[in-house]
Amino acid sequence: MLCMCANGCLWGEAKAGSSPLYDELVRGWAKWNTKHVEPDSNITDTDYPHVAFFDKHINPPALRRVLLTMLNPNPTKRITIAEVAKKGWLKNLECCQVDSYDDPTDIIDASKLRTSMKKSATKVVQHNHLPPHHHNVAHKLVRLPGSTDM
């Protein structure tokens, strides 16, 4: 996502002096950390590290805050993927993936206008990526075009 917004990687390596954008991220976190010395300090809707690239190009602000916590230069302070999944912003994203085989869903045509969907409807998916319940077909190796070994 960041690569698409920046039209490429923001930095080649997470090392001080390797990139002005990485250095700006480190400065933004360092400034925020000086004001929040408590070990359990968390960013909030109004109080988070300010990094010009993120402030200018990453919207909505809830996404900006999630990405900043994922990119915290201190690895012990980075948010885990389990914590990201619990964020309200991420929970409200519509996805074509069902959560489990038991997840109740209504199949709809994703090309239809969203205004026709009722707010009280259950989770709506176009398709899912779950493997089948039972897999009876064994995997076989096939010869790829141009290959000579098998």
N, C-alpha and C. Protein backbone atom coordinates (compact mmCIF):
# COMPACT_ATOMS: atom_id res chain seq x y z
N MET A 1 0.83 -1.17 0.00
CA MET A 1 0.00 0.00 0.00
C MET A 1 0.88 1.24 0.00
N LEU A 2 1.89 1.23 0.86
CA LEU A 2 2.78 2.38 0.91
C LEU A 2 3.55 2.52 -0.39
N CYS A 3 3.96 1.41 -0.97
CA CYS A 3 4.69 1.46 -2.24
C CYS A 3 3.82 2.08 -3.34
N MET A 4 2.53 1.76 -3.33
CA MET A 4 1.65 2.34 -4.34
C MET A 4 1.49 3.84 -4.12
N CYS A 5 1.35 4.27 -2.88
CA CYS A 5 1.20 5.70 -2.59
C CYS A 5 2.46 6.47 -2.94
N ALA A 6 3.62 5.84 -2.70
CA ALA A 6 4.90 6.53 -2.92
C ALA A 6 5.45 6.28 -4.32
N ASN A 7 4.76 5.45 -5.10
CA ASN A 7 5.24 5.10 -6.44
C ASN A 7 6.59 4.37 -6.35
N GLY A 8 6.74 3.56 -5.33
CA GLY A 8 7.96 2.80 -5.10
C GLY A 8 8.19 2.63 -3.61
N CYS A 9 9.27 1.96 -3.25
CA CYS A 9 9.59 1.74 -1.83
C CYS A 9 9.96 3.06 -1.17
N LEU A 10 9.53 3.24 0.06
CA LEU A 10 9.85 4.46 0.79
C LEU A 10 11.32 4.49 1.19
N TRP A 11 11.88 3.33 1.51
CA TRP A 11 13.29 3.25 1.85
C TRP A 11 13.78 1.85 1.54
N GLY A 12 15.07 1.75 1.26
CA GLY A 12 15.66 0.47 0.92
C GLY A 12 15.92 -0.41 2.12
N GLU A 13 16.29 0.20 3.24
CA GLU A 13 16.51 -0.53 4.47
C GLU A 13 16.17 0.37 5.65
N ALA A 14 15.74 -0.27 6.72
CA ALA A 14 15.35 0.48 7.92
C ALA A 14 16.60 0.75 8.75
N LYS A 15 17.39 1.70 8.27
CA LYS A 15 18.66 2.03 8.91
C LYS A 15 18.82 3.54 8.88
N ALA A 16 19.20 4.11 10.02
CA ALA A 16 19.38 5.56 10.09
C ALA A 16 20.34 6.02 9.00
N GLY A 17 19.95 7.07 8.30
CA GLY A 17 20.78 7.64 7.24
C GLY A 17 20.59 6.97 5.89
N SER A 18 19.80 5.91 5.83
CA SER A 18 19.61 5.20 4.55
C SER A 18 18.63 5.91 3.63
N SER A 19 17.73 6.72 4.20
CA SER A 19 16.72 7.39 3.40
C SER A 19 16.17 8.58 4.18
N PRO A 20 15.94 9.70 3.52
CA PRO A 20 15.31 10.83 4.21
C PRO A 20 13.93 10.48 4.76
N LEU A 21 13.18 9.64 4.05
CA LEU A 21 11.84 9.27 4.53
C LEU A 21 11.92 8.39 5.77
N TYR A 22 12.88 7.48 5.81
CA TYR A 22 13.02 6.66 7.01
C TYR A 22 13.48 7.52 8.18
N ASP A 23 14.42 8.41 7.92
CA ASP A 23 14.90 9.31 8.98
C ASP A 23 13.76 10.17 9.51
N GLU A 24 12.86 10.60 8.64
CA GLU A 24 11.70 11.39 9.07
C GLU A 24 10.77 10.55 9.95
N LEU A 25 10.57 9.28 9.60
CA LEU A 25 9.76 8.38 10.42
C LEU A 25 10.38 8.23 11.81
N VAL A 26 11.69 8.02 11.86
CA VAL A 26 12.39 7.86 13.14
C VAL A 26 12.25 9.14 13.97
N ARG A 27 12.42 10.31 13.34
CA ARG A 27 12.28 11.59 14.06
C ARG A 27 10.86 11.77 14.59
N GLY A 28 9.87 11.42 13.78
CA GLY A 28 8.48 11.55 14.21
C GLY A 28 8.19 10.69 15.43
N TRP A 29 8.68 9.45 15.42
CA TRP A 29 8.49 8.57 16.56
C TRP A 29 9.29 9.04 17.76
N ALA A 30 10.52 9.52 17.54
CA ALA A 30 11.35 10.00 18.66
C ALA A 30 10.68 11.19 19.35
N LYS A 31 10.13 12.11 18.57
CA LYS A 31 9.45 13.27 19.13
C LYS A 31 8.23 12.82 19.94
N TRP A 32 7.46 11.88 19.39
CA TRP A 32 6.27 11.38 20.09
C TRP A 32 6.68 10.66 21.37
N ASN A 33 7.74 9.85 21.30
CA ASN A 33 8.19 9.08 22.46
C ASN A 33 8.67 9.97 23.60
N THR A 34 9.26 11.14 23.29
CA THR A 34 9.72 12.03 24.36
C THR A 34 8.55 12.58 25.17
N LYS A 35 7.39 12.68 24.57
CA LYS A 35 6.20 13.17 25.27
C LYS A 35 5.44 12.04 25.97
N HIS A 36 5.75 10.80 25.64
CA HIS A 36 5.01 9.65 26.16
C HIS A 36 6.00 8.64 26.72
N VAL A 37 6.48 8.89 27.92
CA VAL A 37 7.50 8.04 28.53
C VAL A 37 6.91 6.81 29.23
N GLU A 38 5.59 6.79 29.44
CA GLU A 38 4.98 5.63 30.08
C GLU A 38 5.11 4.43 29.15
N PRO A 39 5.40 3.24 29.70
CA PRO A 39 5.60 2.06 28.85
C PRO A 39 4.35 1.61 28.10
N ASP A 40 3.17 1.94 28.61
CA ASP A 40 1.94 1.50 27.96
C ASP A 40 1.27 2.61 27.14
N SER A 41 2.03 3.63 26.73
CA SER A 41 1.47 4.72 25.92
C SER A 41 1.07 4.20 24.54
N ASN A 42 -0.10 4.60 24.12
CA ASN A 42 -0.60 4.22 22.79
C ASN A 42 -1.00 5.46 22.03
N ILE A 43 -0.89 5.39 20.71
CA ILE A 43 -1.35 6.52 19.93
C ILE A 43 -2.86 6.54 19.95
N THR A 44 -3.42 7.74 19.79
CA THR A 44 -4.87 7.91 19.81
C THR A 44 -5.30 8.61 18.53
N ASP A 45 -6.60 8.89 18.44
CA ASP A 45 -7.13 9.56 17.26
C ASP A 45 -6.50 10.93 17.03
N THR A 46 -6.13 11.60 18.09
CA THR A 46 -5.58 12.96 17.96
C THR A 46 -4.12 13.07 18.34
N ASP A 47 -3.58 12.05 18.95
CA ASP A 47 -2.21 12.10 19.44
C ASP A 47 -1.41 10.93 18.88
N TYR A 48 -0.67 11.19 17.82
CA TYR A 48 0.12 10.15 17.18
C TYR A 48 1.35 10.79 16.54
N PRO A 49 2.37 10.00 16.20
CA PRO A 49 3.57 10.57 15.58
C PRO A 49 3.22 11.22 14.24
N HIS A 50 3.74 12.41 14.04
CA HIS A 50 3.49 13.09 12.77
C HIS A 50 4.70 12.93 11.86
N VAL A 51 4.43 12.36 10.70
CA VAL A 51 5.43 12.14 9.67
C VAL A 51 4.83 12.74 8.40
N ALA A 52 5.51 13.72 7.82
CA ALA A 52 4.94 14.51 6.72
C ALA A 52 4.39 13.64 5.58
N PHE A 53 5.14 12.63 5.15
CA PHE A 53 4.66 11.79 4.04
C PHE A 53 3.33 11.15 4.39
N PHE A 54 3.23 10.58 5.59
CA PHE A 54 2.00 9.93 6.02
C PHE A 54 0.87 10.93 6.17
N ASP A 55 1.17 12.08 6.79
CA ASP A 55 0.14 13.10 6.98
C ASP A 55 -0.41 13.61 5.65
N LYS A 56 0.44 13.67 4.66
CA LYS A 56 0.04 14.23 3.36
C LYS A 56 -0.61 13.20 2.44
N HIS A 57 -0.13 11.95 2.46
CA HIS A 57 -0.54 10.98 1.45
C HIS A 57 -1.38 9.81 1.94
N ILE A 58 -1.44 9.55 3.23
CA ILE A 58 -2.16 8.37 3.72
C ILE A 58 -3.45 8.79 4.40
N ASN A 59 -4.55 8.40 3.80
CA ASN A 59 -5.88 8.69 4.32
C ASN A 59 -6.72 7.44 4.24
N PRO A 60 -7.64 7.26 5.12
CA PRO A 60 -8.07 8.10 6.22
C PRO A 60 -7.06 8.09 7.36
N PRO A 61 -7.20 9.03 8.29
CA PRO A 61 -6.26 9.08 9.42
C PRO A 61 -6.18 7.78 10.22
N ALA A 62 -7.26 7.02 10.30
CA ALA A 62 -7.22 5.74 11.02
C ALA A 62 -6.23 4.78 10.36
N LEU A 63 -6.19 4.76 9.06
CA LEU A 63 -5.21 3.93 8.33
C LEU A 63 -3.81 4.44 8.61
N ARG A 64 -3.63 5.74 8.61
CA ARG A 64 -2.33 6.36 8.90
C ARG A 64 -1.81 5.89 10.26
N ARG A 65 -2.68 5.91 11.27
CA ARG A 65 -2.27 5.50 12.62
C ARG A 65 -1.91 4.02 12.67
N VAL A 66 -2.67 3.18 11.99
CA VAL A 66 -2.36 1.75 11.96
C VAL A 66 -1.00 1.52 11.30
N LEU A 67 -0.76 2.16 10.17
CA LEU A 67 0.52 1.99 9.48
C LEU A 67 1.68 2.50 10.31
N LEU A 68 1.50 3.63 10.97
CA LEU A 68 2.57 4.15 11.82
C LEU A 68 2.90 3.19 12.97
N THR A 69 1.89 2.57 13.56
CA THR A 69 2.17 1.63 14.64
C THR A 69 2.83 0.36 14.10
N MET A 70 2.53 -0.01 12.87
CA MET A 70 3.18 -1.16 12.25
C MET A 70 4.64 -0.85 11.92
N LEU A 71 4.95 0.41 11.67
CA LEU A 71 6.29 0.82 11.26
C LEU A 71 7.08 1.47 12.39
N ASN A 72 6.67 1.25 13.61
CA ASN A 72 7.41 1.82 14.75
C ASN A 72 8.86 1.35 14.66
N PRO A 73 9.84 2.26 14.66
CA PRO A 73 11.24 1.86 14.56
C PRO A 73 11.72 0.96 15.69
N ASN A 74 11.02 0.99 16.82
CA ASN A 74 11.37 0.12 17.94
C ASN A 74 10.58 -1.19 17.79
N PRO A 75 11.24 -2.29 17.43
CA PRO A 75 10.52 -3.55 17.18
C PRO A 75 9.70 -4.04 18.37
N THR A 76 10.11 -3.73 19.59
CA THR A 76 9.35 -4.18 20.76
C THR A 76 8.06 -3.41 20.93
N LYS A 77 7.94 -2.26 20.28
CA LYS A 77 6.74 -1.42 20.39
C LYS A 77 5.81 -1.57 19.18
N ARG A 78 6.23 -2.31 18.16
CA ARG A 78 5.39 -2.47 16.96
C ARG A 78 4.13 -3.25 17.27
N ILE A 79 3.07 -2.89 16.60
CA ILE A 79 1.80 -3.58 16.75
C ILE A 79 1.91 -4.95 16.06
N THR A 80 1.28 -5.96 16.64
CA THR A 80 1.28 -7.29 16.03
C THR A 80 0.13 -7.40 15.03
N ILE A 81 0.19 -8.38 14.17
CA ILE A 81 -0.89 -8.56 13.19
C ILE A 81 -2.20 -8.88 13.91
N ALA A 82 -2.14 -9.58 15.04
CA ALA A 82 -3.36 -9.87 15.81
C ALA A 82 -3.98 -8.58 16.33
N GLU A 83 -3.13 -7.64 16.77
CA GLU A 83 -3.63 -6.35 17.26
C GLU A 83 -4.18 -5.51 16.10
N VAL A 84 -3.54 -5.59 14.94
CA VAL A 84 -4.04 -4.87 13.77
C VAL A 84 -5.44 -5.37 13.41
N ALA A 85 -5.62 -6.69 13.46
CA ALA A 85 -6.92 -7.27 13.11
C ALA A 85 -8.03 -6.82 14.04
N LYS A 86 -7.69 -6.40 15.25
CA LYS A 86 -8.70 -5.95 16.22
C LYS A 86 -9.04 -4.48 16.08
N LYS A 87 -8.29 -3.74 15.28
CA LYS A 87 -8.54 -2.31 15.12
C LYS A 87 -9.90 -2.08 14.47
N GLY A 88 -10.63 -1.10 14.98
CA GLY A 88 -11.95 -0.79 14.45
C GLY A 88 -11.94 -0.44 12.98
N TRP A 89 -10.91 0.27 12.55
CA TRP A 89 -10.84 0.66 11.15
C TRP A 89 -10.78 -0.57 10.25
N LEU A 90 -9.97 -1.53 10.60
CA LEU A 90 -9.82 -2.73 9.78
C LEU A 90 -11.07 -3.60 9.84
N LYS A 91 -11.70 -3.66 11.00
CA LYS A 91 -12.91 -4.47 11.14
C LYS A 91 -14.04 -3.96 10.24
N ASN A 92 -14.04 -2.68 9.93
CA ASN A 92 -15.12 -2.10 9.13
C ASN A 92 -14.88 -2.20 7.63
N LEU A 93 -13.73 -2.72 7.22
CA LEU A 93 -13.47 -2.88 5.80
C LEU A 93 -14.28 -4.03 5.24
N GLU A 94 -14.86 -3.83 4.07
CA GLU A 94 -15.55 -4.92 3.42
C GLU A 94 -14.51 -5.77 2.71
N CYS A 95 -14.74 -7.05 2.72
CA CYS A 95 -13.77 -7.97 2.14
C CYS A 95 -14.53 -9.10 1.46
N CYS A 96 -13.90 -9.68 0.48
CA CYS A 96 -14.52 -10.80 -0.21
C CYS A 96 -14.21 -12.11 0.52
N GLN A 97 -13.50 -12.05 1.60
CA GLN A 97 -13.09 -13.25 2.34
C GLN A 97 -14.03 -13.53 3.50
N VAL A 98 -14.57 -14.73 3.55
CA VAL A 98 -15.35 -15.12 4.72
C VAL A 98 -14.39 -15.50 5.82
N ASP A 99 -14.80 -15.34 7.07
CA ASP A 99 -13.93 -15.60 8.21
C ASP A 99 -13.78 -17.08 8.51
N SER A 100 -14.81 -17.84 8.25
CA SER A 100 -14.75 -19.28 8.51
C SER A 100 -15.82 -19.96 7.67
N TYR A 101 -15.84 -21.27 7.71
CA TYR A 101 -16.87 -22.00 6.98
C TYR A 101 -18.24 -21.77 7.58
N ASP A 102 -18.29 -21.43 8.85
CA ASP A 102 -19.56 -21.23 9.54
C ASP A 102 -20.04 -19.79 9.48
N ASP A 103 -19.28 -18.90 8.85
CA ASP A 103 -19.62 -17.48 8.78
C ASP A 103 -20.85 -17.29 7.90
N PRO A 104 -21.96 -16.78 8.46
CA PRO A 104 -23.14 -16.58 7.63
C PRO A 104 -22.92 -15.44 6.64
N THR A 105 -23.23 -15.67 5.39
CA THR A 105 -23.01 -14.65 4.37
C THR A 105 -24.17 -14.62 3.39
N ASP A 106 -24.31 -13.50 2.74
CA ASP A 106 -25.22 -13.35 1.62
C ASP A 106 -24.35 -13.09 0.41
N ILE A 107 -24.52 -13.86 -0.64
CA ILE A 107 -23.73 -13.65 -1.85
C ILE A 107 -24.41 -12.55 -2.67
N ILE A 108 -23.63 -11.56 -3.07
CA ILE A 108 -24.17 -10.48 -3.87
C ILE A 108 -23.27 -10.24 -5.06
N ASP A 109 -23.73 -9.46 -5.99
CA ASP A 109 -22.91 -9.03 -7.12
C ASP A 109 -22.20 -7.76 -6.68
N ALA A 110 -20.88 -7.82 -6.59
CA ALA A 110 -20.10 -6.68 -6.09
C ALA A 110 -20.19 -5.47 -7.01
N SER A 111 -20.65 -5.66 -8.24
CA SER A 111 -20.75 -4.53 -9.17
C SER A 111 -22.00 -3.69 -8.92
N LYS A 112 -22.92 -4.19 -8.09
CA LYS A 112 -24.14 -3.43 -7.78
C LYS A 112 -23.79 -2.24 -6.90
N LEU A 113 -24.62 -1.23 -6.95
CA LEU A 113 -24.38 -0.05 -6.12
C LEU A 113 -24.51 -0.39 -4.65
N ARG A 114 -23.65 0.21 -3.85
CA ARG A 114 -23.66 -0.03 -2.41
C ARG A 114 -24.93 0.52 -1.76
N THR A 115 -25.55 1.50 -2.38
CA THR A 115 -26.73 2.11 -1.77
C THR A 115 -27.89 1.13 -1.71
N SER A 116 -27.85 0.08 -2.52
CA SER A 116 -28.94 -0.88 -2.50
C SER A 116 -28.80 -1.89 -1.37
N MET A 117 -27.65 -1.89 -0.69
CA MET A 117 -27.44 -2.84 0.41
C MET A 117 -28.01 -2.26 1.70
N LYS A 118 -28.64 -3.10 2.47
CA LYS A 118 -29.19 -2.66 3.75
C LYS A 118 -28.10 -2.67 4.80
N LYS A 119 -28.12 -1.69 5.69
CA LYS A 119 -27.12 -1.58 6.74
C LYS A 119 -27.21 -2.74 7.73
N SER A 120 -28.40 -3.31 7.91
CA SER A 120 -28.57 -4.37 8.89
C SER A 120 -28.25 -5.75 8.34
N ALA A 121 -27.84 -5.84 7.09
CA ALA A 121 -27.55 -7.14 6.49
C ALA A 121 -26.33 -7.78 7.15
N THR A 122 -26.26 -9.10 7.04
CA THR A 122 -25.09 -9.79 7.56
C THR A 122 -23.90 -9.49 6.66
N LYS A 123 -22.74 -10.01 7.04
CA LYS A 123 -21.53 -9.79 6.26
C LYS A 123 -21.76 -10.23 4.82
N VAL A 124 -21.34 -9.42 3.88
CA VAL A 124 -21.59 -9.70 2.47
C VAL A 124 -20.26 -9.96 1.77
N VAL A 125 -20.22 -11.04 1.00
CA VAL A 125 -19.01 -11.36 0.26
C VAL A 125 -19.36 -11.66 -1.19
N GLN A 126 -18.42 -11.44 -2.08
CA GLN A 126 -18.62 -11.81 -3.47
C GLN A 126 -18.16 -13.25 -3.68
N HIS A 127 -17.06 -13.61 -3.12
CA HIS A 127 -16.53 -14.97 -3.19
C HIS A 127 -15.59 -15.17 -2.00
N ASN A 128 -15.13 -16.38 -1.82
CA ASN A 128 -14.21 -16.60 -0.70
C ASN A 128 -12.97 -17.31 -1.20
N HIS A 129 -11.95 -17.32 -0.36
CA HIS A 129 -10.67 -17.92 -0.71
C HIS A 129 -10.37 -19.12 0.17
N LEU A 130 -11.35 -19.59 0.91
CA LEU A 130 -11.12 -20.74 1.78
C LEU A 130 -10.95 -22.00 0.94
N PRO A 131 -10.09 -22.91 1.37
CA PRO A 131 -9.97 -24.18 0.65
C PRO A 131 -11.25 -24.99 0.84
N PRO A 132 -11.51 -25.95 -0.02
CA PRO A 132 -12.73 -26.76 0.15
C PRO A 132 -12.69 -27.53 1.46
N HIS A 133 -13.90 -27.88 1.97
CA HIS A 133 -13.97 -28.64 3.22
C HIS A 133 -13.18 -29.94 3.12
N HIS A 134 -13.39 -30.67 2.03
CA HIS A 134 -12.72 -31.95 1.83
C HIS A 134 -11.95 -31.89 0.53
N HIS A 135 -10.73 -32.33 0.59
CA HIS A 135 -9.88 -32.29 -0.60
C HIS A 135 -9.59 -33.74 -1.00
N ASN A 136 -10.29 -34.23 -2.00
CA ASN A 136 -10.16 -35.63 -2.40
C ASN A 136 -9.17 -35.84 -3.55
N VAL A 137 -8.75 -34.77 -4.16
CA VAL A 137 -7.87 -34.89 -5.32
C VAL A 137 -6.42 -34.74 -4.86
N ALA A 138 -5.60 -35.70 -5.22
CA ALA A 138 -4.17 -35.62 -4.87
C ALA A 138 -3.48 -34.63 -5.80
N HIS A 139 -2.47 -33.96 -5.28
CA HIS A 139 -1.69 -33.04 -6.10
C HIS A 139 -0.77 -33.84 -7.00
N LYS A 140 -0.63 -33.42 -8.24
CA LYS A 140 0.27 -34.06 -9.18
C LYS A 140 1.25 -33.03 -9.70
N LEU A 141 2.44 -33.45 -9.95
CA LEU A 141 3.40 -32.59 -10.63
C LEU A 141 3.11 -32.67 -12.11
N VAL A 142 3.14 -31.56 -12.76
CA VAL A 142 2.92 -31.54 -14.20
C VAL A 142 4.15 -30.93 -14.86
N ARG A 143 4.37 -31.32 -16.09
CA ARG A 143 5.50 -30.78 -16.84
C ARG A 143 5.12 -29.37 -17.27
N LEU A 144 5.97 -28.42 -16.94
CA LEU A 144 5.75 -27.04 -17.33
C LEU A 144 6.26 -26.82 -18.74
N PRO A 145 5.66 -25.92 -19.49
CA PRO A 145 6.14 -25.66 -20.84
C PRO A 145 7.62 -25.27 -20.83
N GLY A 146 8.40 -25.89 -21.67
CA GLY A 146 9.82 -25.58 -21.78
C GLY A 146 10.69 -26.38 -20.85
N SER A 147 10.11 -27.14 -19.91
CA SER A 147 10.94 -27.92 -18.99
C SER A 147 11.32 -29.24 -19.63
N THR A 148 12.50 -29.73 -19.29
CA THR A 148 12.95 -31.00 -19.84
C THR A 148 13.08 -32.07 -18.77
N ASP A 149 13.00 -31.66 -17.51
CA ASP A 149 13.13 -32.66 -16.43
C ASP A 149 11.76 -33.04 -15.91
N MET A 150 11.67 -34.26 -15.40
CA MET A 150 10.42 -34.72 -14.79
C MET A 150 10.64 -35.99 -14.05
